[in-house]
Amino acid sequence: MSLNSTTAMVTSTQVTNTIAILNLLLERFVNHLPLIFVILGLVGFIGNALTFIQTELRSNTCCLYLLLGSIIDATVLLFNTLPLYLTSRYKIDANLSWNFATNITEANEKILIAQSLIRAPFSELALPIAKLFNEHMKYSKNDDLRYIFGRLALGVNSNNTEDATAKVCEPNDSNKCYTLAPYLERLMQIEKDYDRLIWAWKGWHDGCGNQVHPVYLSYVDLLNKNVKENG
């Protein structure tokens, strides 16, 4: 067995073990995350409520502030923790998708499928929040916010349009052309001829990559600004 094969197997095993651990965390912790925060909030609320009903402390407005503060603290903790946790999950998704796209193997496909099953509850949790945000944006008077998200949407739509419409034509037959899906994607999976692979890749790069490049740079610039401003 070659060193590269051994390294690939070790890497695949490590990724599989990582997914198994994350899946265990998901099963034991993440699915019950809202309930955990509700319990924490209730504990704080009950503790402060018991303090507040004591006659000698009832006139102390500090107790009322603590009562409200316990609920606020639990809510803030939820909204600060959940996005960070979801972000880490999407980073894993992106890495596994890239691994599969650049090394299409049965092992990587199985890992990607396993990760998609882990991601499903997070997507279900995030969807209502995204819908609320979309509804907010419809009536938002914040012109800067609308402009920024408009630019982001334009960049994504432009990239998707280029991906869907770009074609690669046969060297000897300009009337015989192929789109990325399904022909070129399938060709990159099964083709063994090096020259044929180079033709597909270069044709796709010239037809799509050069068109997307200026739009993508602007898109990445906005994402980087978002990351910096949000710590």
C-alpha atoms as a PDB file:
ATOM      1  CA  MET A   1       0.000   0.000   0.000  1.00  0.00           C
ATOM      2  CA  SER A   2       1.431   3.396  -0.985  1.00  0.00           C
ATOM      3  CA  LEU A   3       2.060   6.252   1.415  1.00  0.00           C
ATOM      4  CA  ASN A   4      -0.615   8.383  -0.307  1.00  0.00           C
ATOM      5  CA  SER A   5      -3.192   5.604   0.035  1.00  0.00           C
ATOM      6  CA  THR A   6      -2.329   5.134   3.697  1.00  0.00           C
ATOM      7  CA  THR A   7      -2.570   8.875   4.336  1.00  0.00           C
ATOM      8  CA  ALA A   8      -5.923   9.043   2.553  1.00  0.00           C
ATOM      9  CA  MET A   9      -7.260   6.159   4.625  1.00  0.00           C
ATOM     10  CA  VAL A  10      -6.081   7.768   7.876  1.00  0.00           C
ATOM     11  CA  THR A  11      -7.607  11.108   6.889  1.00  0.00           C
ATOM     12  CA  SER A  12     -10.874   9.419   5.931  1.00  0.00           C
ATOM     13  CA  THR A  13     -10.928   7.544   9.247  1.00  0.00           C
ATOM     14  CA  GLN A  14     -10.253  10.728  11.196  1.00  0.00           C
ATOM     15  CA  VAL A  15     -13.063  12.556   9.417  1.00  0.00           C
ATOM     16  CA  THR A  16     -15.428   9.624  10.003  1.00  0.00           C
ATOM     17  CA  ASN A  17     -14.554   9.563  13.716  1.00  0.00           C
ATOM     18  CA  THR A  18     -15.051  13.333  13.947  1.00  0.00           C
ATOM     19  CA  ILE A  19     -18.493  13.040  12.371  1.00  0.00           C
ATOM     20  CA  ALA A  20     -19.373  10.239  14.784  1.00  0.00           C
ATOM     21  CA  ILE A  21     -18.406  12.424  17.745  1.00  0.00           C
ATOM     22  CA  LEU A  22     -20.365  15.396  16.370  1.00  0.00           C
ATOM     23  CA  ASN A  23     -23.337  13.146  15.769  1.00  0.00           C
ATOM     24  CA  LEU A  24     -23.170  12.014  19.388  1.00  0.00           C
ATOM     25  CA  LEU A  25     -23.042  15.636  20.554  1.00  0.00           C
ATOM     26  CA  LEU A  26     -25.981  16.423  18.317  1.00  0.00           C
ATOM     27  CA  GLU A  27     -28.003  13.535  19.713  1.00  0.00           C
ATOM     28  CA  ARG A  28     -27.138  14.209  23.352  1.00  0.00           C
ATOM     29  CA  PHE A  29     -26.930  17.994  23.387  1.00  0.00           C
ATOM     30  CA  VAL A  30     -27.843  20.039  20.323  1.00  0.00           C
ATOM     31  CA  ASN A  31     -31.344  18.679  19.784  1.00  0.00           C
ATOM     32  CA  HIS A  32     -32.141  19.700  23.360  1.00  0.00           C
ATOM     33  CA  LEU A  33     -30.342  23.048  23.209  1.00  0.00           C
ATOM     34  CA  PRO A  34     -33.531  25.193  23.322  1.00  0.00           C
ATOM     35  CA  LEU A  35     -34.837  23.125  26.248  1.00  0.00           C
ATOM     36  CA  ILE A  36     -31.550  23.557  28.113  1.00  0.00           C
ATOM     37  CA  PHE A  37     -31.754  27.332  27.798  1.00  0.00           C
ATOM     38  CA  VAL A  38     -35.399  27.311  28.864  1.00  0.00           C
ATOM     39  CA  ILE A  39     -34.462  25.323  31.968  1.00  0.00           C
ATOM     40  CA  LEU A  40     -31.590  27.686  32.757  1.00  0.00           C
ATOM     41  CA  GLY A  41     -33.917  30.650  32.357  1.00  0.00           C
ATOM     42  CA  LEU A  42     -36.567  29.055  34.576  1.00  0.00           C
ATOM     43  CA  VAL A  43     -34.043  28.204  37.280  1.00  0.00           C
ATOM     44  CA  GLY A  44     -32.826  31.787  37.342  1.00  0.00           C
ATOM     45  CA  PHE A  45     -36.381  33.104  37.247  1.00  0.00           C
ATOM     46  CA  ILE A  46     -37.597  30.865  40.090  1.00  0.00           C
ATOM     47  CA  GLY A  47     -34.564  31.640  42.227  1.00  0.00           C
ATOM     48  CA  ASN A  48     -35.012  35.363  41.830  1.00  0.00           C
ATOM     49  CA  ALA A  49     -38.798  35.056  42.238  1.00  0.00           C
ATOM     50  CA  LEU A  50     -38.345  33.291  45.592  1.00  0.00           C
ATOM     51  CA  THR A  51     -36.013  36.058  46.651  1.00  0.00           C
ATOM     52  CA  PHE A  52     -38.468  38.711  45.518  1.00  0.00           C
ATOM     53  CA  ILE A  53     -41.454  37.331  47.477  1.00  0.00           C
ATOM     54  CA  GLN A  54     -39.590  37.535  50.750  1.00  0.00           C
ATOM     55  CA  THR A  55     -41.142  40.365  52.759  1.00  0.00           C
ATOM     56  CA  GLU A  56     -37.874  41.903  53.835  1.00  0.00           C
ATOM     57  CA  LEU A  57     -36.611  41.986  50.250  1.00  0.00           C
ATOM     58  CA  ARG A  58     -39.794  42.823  48.384  1.00  0.00           C
ATOM     59  CA  SER A  59     -39.218  46.553  48.518  1.00  0.00           C
ATOM     60  CA  ASN A  60     -35.774  46.104  47.030  1.00  0.00           C
ATOM     61  CA  THR A  61     -36.126  46.913  43.345  1.00  0.00           C
ATOM     62  CA  CYS A  62     -32.834  45.152  42.748  1.00  0.00           C
ATOM     63  CA  CYS A  63     -34.677  41.839  43.105  1.00  0.00           C
ATOM     64  CA  LEU A  64     -37.016  42.789  40.272  1.00  0.00           C
ATOM     65  CA  TYR A  65     -34.059  43.670  38.088  1.00  0.00           C
ATOM     66  CA  LEU A  66     -32.471  40.318  38.884  1.00  0.00           C
ATOM     67  CA  LEU A  67     -35.738  38.595  38.030  1.00  0.00           C
ATOM     68  CA  LEU A  68     -35.847  40.187  34.605  1.00  0.00           C
ATOM     69  CA  GLY A  69     -32.100  39.890  34.176  1.00  0.00           C
ATOM     70  CA  SER A  70     -32.120  36.109  34.566  1.00  0.00           C
ATOM     71  CA  ILE A  71     -34.477  35.775  31.621  1.00  0.00           C
ATOM     72  CA  ILE A  72     -32.539  38.276  29.533  1.00  0.00           C
ATOM     73  CA  ASP A  73     -29.222  36.574  30.326  1.00  0.00           C
ATOM     74  CA  ALA A  74     -30.519  33.194  29.232  1.00  0.00           C
ATOM     75  CA  THR A  75     -31.917  34.669  26.022  1.00  0.00           C
ATOM     76  CA  VAL A  76     -28.698  36.516  25.209  1.00  0.00           C
ATOM     77  CA  LEU A  77     -26.685  33.369  25.916  1.00  0.00           C
ATOM     78  CA  LEU A  78     -28.867  31.412  23.506  1.00  0.00           C
ATOM     79  CA  PHE A  79     -28.576  33.938  20.678  1.00  0.00           C
ATOM     80  CA  ASN A  80     -24.818  34.337  21.208  1.00  0.00           C
ATOM     81  CA  THR A  81     -24.053  30.626  21.413  1.00  0.00           C
ATOM     82  CA  LEU A  82     -26.323  29.191  18.754  1.00  0.00           C
ATOM     83  CA  PRO A  83     -24.941  31.183  15.774  1.00  0.00           C
ATOM     84  CA  LEU A  84     -21.361  30.229  16.729  1.00  0.00           C
ATOM     85  CA  TYR A  85     -22.339  26.596  16.950  1.00  0.00           C
ATOM     86  CA  LEU A  86     -24.168  26.715  13.639  1.00  0.00           C
ATOM     87  CA  THR A  87     -21.220  28.458  11.988  1.00  0.00           C
ATOM     88  CA  SER A  88     -18.881  25.684  13.070  1.00  0.00           C
ATOM     89  CA  ARG A  89     -21.262  23.138  11.557  1.00  0.00           C
ATOM     90  CA  TYR A  90     -21.381  24.930   8.220  1.00  0.00           C
ATOM     91  CA  LYS A  91     -17.579  25.113   8.149  1.00  0.00           C
ATOM     92  CA  ILE A  92     -17.488  21.338   8.439  1.00  0.00           C
ATOM     93  CA  ASP A  93     -20.055  21.090   5.620  1.00  0.00           C
ATOM     94  CA  ALA A  94     -17.945  23.312   3.379  1.00  0.00           C
ATOM     95  CA  ASN A  95     -14.759  21.340   4.035  1.00  0.00           C
ATOM     96  CA  LEU A  96     -16.399  17.986   3.387  1.00  0.00           C
ATOM     97  CA  SER A  97     -18.071  19.281   0.219  1.00  0.00           C
ATOM     98  CA  TRP A  98     -14.702  20.547  -1.007  1.00  0.00           C
ATOM     99  CA  ASN A  99     -13.040  17.221  -0.185  1.00  0.00           C
ATOM    100  CA  PHE A 100     -15.657  15.383  -2.222  1.00  0.00           C
ATOM    101  CA  ALA A 101     -15.542  17.843  -5.125  1.00  0.00           C
ATOM    102  CA  THR A 102     -11.745  17.577  -5.380  1.00  0.00           C
ATOM    103  CA  ASN A 103     -11.482  13.871  -4.600  1.00  0.00           C
ATOM    104  CA  ILE A 104     -14.599  12.042  -5.758  1.00  0.00           C
ATOM    105  CA  THR A 105     -14.461   8.698  -3.977  1.00  0.00           C
ATOM    106  CA  GLU A 106     -17.044   6.413  -2.445  1.00  0.00           C
ATOM    107  CA  ALA A 107     -15.563   7.025   1.018  1.00  0.00           C
ATOM    108  CA  ASN A 108     -15.855  10.804   0.691  1.00  0.00           C
ATOM    109  CA  GLU A 109     -19.392  10.458  -0.648  1.00  0.00           C
ATOM    110  CA  LYS A 110     -20.423   8.409   2.389  1.00  0.00           C
ATOM    111  CA  ILE A 111     -18.861  10.993   4.714  1.00  0.00           C
ATOM    112  CA  LEU A 112     -20.717  13.796   2.932  1.00  0.00           C
ATOM    113  CA  ILE A 113     -24.037  11.943   3.186  1.00  0.00           C
ATOM    114  CA  ALA A 114     -23.470  11.269   6.886  1.00  0.00           C
ATOM    115  CA  GLN A 115     -22.774  14.954   7.447  1.00  0.00           C
ATOM    116  CA  SER A 116     -25.942  15.956   5.591  1.00  0.00           C
ATOM    117  CA  LEU A 117     -27.963  13.898   8.086  1.00  0.00           C
ATOM    118  CA  ILE A 118     -26.268  15.735  10.950  1.00  0.00           C
ATOM    119  CA  ARG A 119     -26.958  19.091   9.287  1.00  0.00           C
ATOM    120  CA  ALA A 120     -30.679  18.499   8.794  1.00  0.00           C
ATOM    121  CA  PRO A 121     -31.818  19.507  12.330  1.00  0.00           C
ATOM    122  CA  PHE A 122     -29.745  22.698  12.129  1.00  0.00           C
ATOM    123  CA  SER A 123     -31.282  23.619   8.801  1.00  0.00           C
ATOM    124  CA  GLU A 124     -34.731  23.017  10.241  1.00  0.00           C
ATOM    125  CA  LEU A 125     -33.872  25.249  13.196  1.00  0.00           C
ATOM    126  CA  ALA A 126     -32.414  28.029  11.038  1.00  0.00           C
ATOM    127  CA  LEU A 127     -35.219  28.141   8.470  1.00  0.00           C
ATOM    128  CA  PRO A 128     -37.813  29.953  10.639  1.00  0.00           C
ATOM    129  CA  ILE A 129     -35.153  32.496  11.656  1.00  0.00           C
ATOM    130  CA  ALA A 130     -34.235  33.081   8.013  1.00  0.00           C
ATOM    131  CA  LYS A 131     -37.908  33.579   7.134  1.00  0.00           C
ATOM    132  CA  LEU A 132     -38.262  36.173   9.888  1.00  0.00           C
ATOM    133  CA  PHE A 133     -35.181  37.980   8.592  1.00  0.00           C
ATOM    134  CA  ASN A 134     -36.517  37.953   5.032  1.00  0.00           C
ATOM    135  CA  GLU A 135     -39.806  39.388   6.270  1.00  0.00           C
ATOM    136  CA  HIS A 136     -37.902  42.076   8.168  1.00  0.00           C
ATOM    137  CA  MET A 137     -35.889  43.009   5.077  1.00  0.00           C
ATOM    138  CA  LYS A 138     -39.057  43.565   3.049  1.00  0.00           C
ATOM    139  CA  TYR A 139     -40.044  46.499   5.227  1.00  0.00           C
ATOM    140  CA  SER A 140     -36.642  47.611   6.508  1.00  0.00           C
ATOM    141  CA  LYS A 141     -35.885  51.324   6.216  1.00  0.00           C
ATOM    142  CA  ASN A 142     -32.155  50.694   6.643  1.00  0.00           C
ATOM    143  CA  ASP A 143     -30.877  51.555   3.172  1.00  0.00           C
ATOM    144  CA  ASP A 144     -27.302  50.466   3.943  1.00  0.00           C
ATOM    145  CA  LEU A 145     -28.455  47.038   5.066  1.00  0.00           C
ATOM    146  CA  ARG A 146     -30.654  46.599   2.014  1.00  0.00           C
ATOM    147  CA  TYR A 147     -27.802  47.681  -0.263  1.00  0.00           C
ATOM    148  CA  ILE A 148     -25.312  45.245   1.280  1.00  0.00           C
ATOM    149  CA  PHE A 149     -27.644  42.259   1.128  1.00  0.00           C
ATOM    150  CA  GLY A 150     -28.711  43.269  -2.350  1.00  0.00           C
ATOM    151  CA  ARG A 151     -25.088  43.116  -3.491  1.00  0.00           C
ATOM    152  CA  LEU A 152     -24.657  39.727  -1.807  1.00  0.00           C
ATOM    153  CA  ALA A 153     -27.775  38.362  -3.494  1.00  0.00           C
ATOM    154  CA  LEU A 154     -26.687  39.740  -6.857  1.00  0.00           C
ATOM    155  CA  GLY A 155     -23.294  38.062  -6.514  1.00  0.00           C
ATOM    156  CA  VAL A 156     -24.791  34.695  -5.631  1.00  0.00           C
ATOM    157  CA  ASN A 157     -27.365  34.895  -8.432  1.00  0.00           C
ATOM    158  CA  SER A 158     -24.707  35.888 -10.972  1.00  0.00           C
ATOM    159  CA  ASN A 159     -22.537  32.936  -9.967  1.00  0.00           C
ATOM    160  CA  ASN A 160     -25.467  30.535 -10.173  1.00  0.00           C
ATOM    161  CA  THR A 161     -26.450  31.904 -13.589  1.00  0.00           C
ATOM    162  CA  GLU A 162     -22.947  31.458 -14.958  1.00  0.00           C
ATOM    163  CA  ASP A 163     -22.755  27.936 -13.554  1.00  0.00           C
ATOM    164  CA  ALA A 164     -26.066  26.992 -15.138  1.00  0.00           C
ATOM    165  CA  THR A 165     -25.533  28.549 -18.575  1.00  0.00           C
ATOM    166  CA  ALA A 166     -21.794  28.162 -19.317  1.00  0.00           C
ATOM    167  CA  LYS A 167     -21.016  25.480 -21.901  1.00  0.00           C
ATOM    168  CA  VAL A 168     -17.946  23.623 -23.104  1.00  0.00           C
ATOM    169  CA  CYS A 169     -17.894  22.653 -26.781  1.00  0.00           C
ATOM    170  CA  GLU A 170     -16.133  19.747 -28.464  1.00  0.00           C
ATOM    171  CA  PRO A 171     -12.795  20.766 -30.037  1.00  0.00           C
ATOM    172  CA  ASN A 172     -13.865  19.556 -33.489  1.00  0.00           C
ATOM    173  CA  ASP A 173     -17.560  20.315 -33.288  1.00  0.00           C
ATOM    174  CA  SER A 174     -18.655  23.735 -32.034  1.00  0.00           C
ATOM    175  CA  ASN A 175     -22.304  22.702 -32.245  1.00  0.00           C
ATOM    176  CA  LYS A 176     -21.836  19.916 -29.704  1.00  0.00           C
ATOM    177  CA  CYS A 177     -21.652  21.649 -26.330  1.00  0.00           C
ATOM    178  CA  TYR A 178     -22.222  20.580 -22.740  1.00  0.00           C
ATOM    179  CA  THR A 179     -23.318  22.282 -19.529  1.00  0.00           C
ATOM    180  CA  LEU A 180     -21.812  21.600 -16.119  1.00  0.00           C
ATOM    181  CA  ALA A 181     -24.726  19.426 -14.986  1.00  0.00           C
ATOM    182  CA  PRO A 182     -25.060  16.657 -15.727  1.00  0.00           C
ATOM    183  CA  TYR A 183     -22.495  15.965 -18.460  1.00  0.00           C
ATOM    184  CA  LEU A 184     -19.316  17.704 -17.252  1.00  0.00           C
ATOM    185  CA  GLU A 185     -19.837  16.683 -13.639  1.00  0.00           C
ATOM    186  CA  ARG A 186     -20.253  13.061 -14.699  1.00  0.00           C
ATOM    187  CA  LEU A 187     -17.293  13.254 -17.058  1.00  0.00           C
ATOM    188  CA  MET A 188     -15.004  14.481 -14.261  1.00  0.00           C
ATOM    189  CA  GLN A 189     -16.098  11.517 -12.163  1.00  0.00           C
ATOM    190  CA  ILE A 190     -15.534   8.702 -14.651  1.00  0.00           C
ATOM    191  CA  GLU A 191     -13.202   9.974 -17.400  1.00  0.00           C
ATOM    192  CA  LYS A 192      -9.707   8.440 -17.373  1.00  0.00           C
ATOM    193  CA  ASP A 193      -8.281  10.201 -20.404  1.00  0.00           C
ATOM    194  CA  TYR A 194      -6.019  13.015 -19.189  1.00  0.00           C
ATOM    195  CA  ASP A 195      -6.415  15.132 -22.330  1.00  0.00           C
ATOM    196  CA  ARG A 196     -10.184  14.831 -22.111  1.00  0.00           C
ATOM    197  CA  LEU A 197     -10.138  15.954 -18.485  1.00  0.00           C
ATOM    198  CA  ILE A 198      -7.939  18.936 -19.352  1.00  0.00           C
ATOM    199  CA  TRP A 199     -10.321  19.873 -22.171  1.00  0.00           C
ATOM    200  CA  ALA A 200     -13.321  19.800 -19.824  1.00  0.00           C
ATOM    201  CA  TRP A 201     -11.591  21.706 -17.028  1.00  0.00           C
ATOM    202  CA  LYS A 202     -10.010  24.377 -19.211  1.00  0.00           C
ATOM    203  CA  GLY A 203     -13.190  24.845 -21.210  1.00  0.00           C
ATOM    204  CA  TRP A 204     -15.206  25.277 -18.045  1.00  0.00           C
ATOM    205  CA  HIS A 205     -12.636  27.646 -16.539  1.00  0.00           C
ATOM    206  CA  ASP A 206     -12.491  29.811 -19.655  1.00  0.00           C
ATOM    207  CA  GLY A 207     -16.257  29.827 -20.142  1.00  0.00           C
ATOM    208  CA  CYS A 208     -17.316  30.348 -16.545  1.00  0.00           C
ATOM    209  CA  GLY A 209     -14.414  31.132 -14.229  1.00  0.00           C
ATOM    210  CA  ASN A 210     -13.304  34.290 -15.988  1.00  0.00           C
ATOM    211  CA  GLN A 211     -16.872  35.624 -16.033  1.00  0.00           C
ATOM    212  CA  VAL A 212     -17.460  34.924 -12.339  1.00  0.00           C
ATOM    213  CA  HIS A 213     -14.115  36.252 -11.127  1.00  0.00           C
ATOM    214  CA  PRO A 214     -14.957  39.994 -10.754  1.00  0.00           C
ATOM    215  CA  VAL A 215     -18.340  39.248  -9.173  1.00  0.00           C
ATOM    216  CA  TYR A 216     -16.853  36.705  -6.805  1.00  0.00           C
ATOM    217  CA  LEU A 217     -14.147  39.117  -5.624  1.00  0.00           C
ATOM    218  CA  SER A 218     -16.801  41.640  -4.624  1.00  0.00           C
ATOM    219  CA  TYR A 219     -18.810  38.901  -2.897  1.00  0.00           C
ATOM    220  CA  VAL A 220     -15.787  37.698  -0.898  1.00  0.00           C
ATOM    221  CA  ASP A 221     -14.907  41.293   0.031  1.00  0.00           C
ATOM    222  CA  LEU A 222     -18.356  41.804   1.566  1.00  0.00           C
ATOM    223  CA  LEU A 223     -18.137  38.501   3.437  1.00  0.00           C
ATOM    224  CA  ASN A 224     -14.724  39.441   4.837  1.00  0.00           C
ATOM    225  CA  LYS A 225     -16.051  42.796   6.038  1.00  0.00           C
ATOM    226  CA  ASN A 226     -18.931  41.000   7.730  1.00  0.00           C
ATOM    227  CA  VAL A 227     -16.552  38.631   9.531  1.00  0.00           C
ATOM    228  CA  LYS A 228     -14.319  41.476  10.744  1.00  0.00           C
ATOM    229  CA  GLU A 229     -17.196  43.611  11.987  1.00  0.00           C
ATOM    230  CA  ASN A 230     -18.735  40.666  13.835  1.00  0.00           C
ATOM    231  CA  GLY A 231     -15.492  39.641  15.498  1.00  0.00           C
END
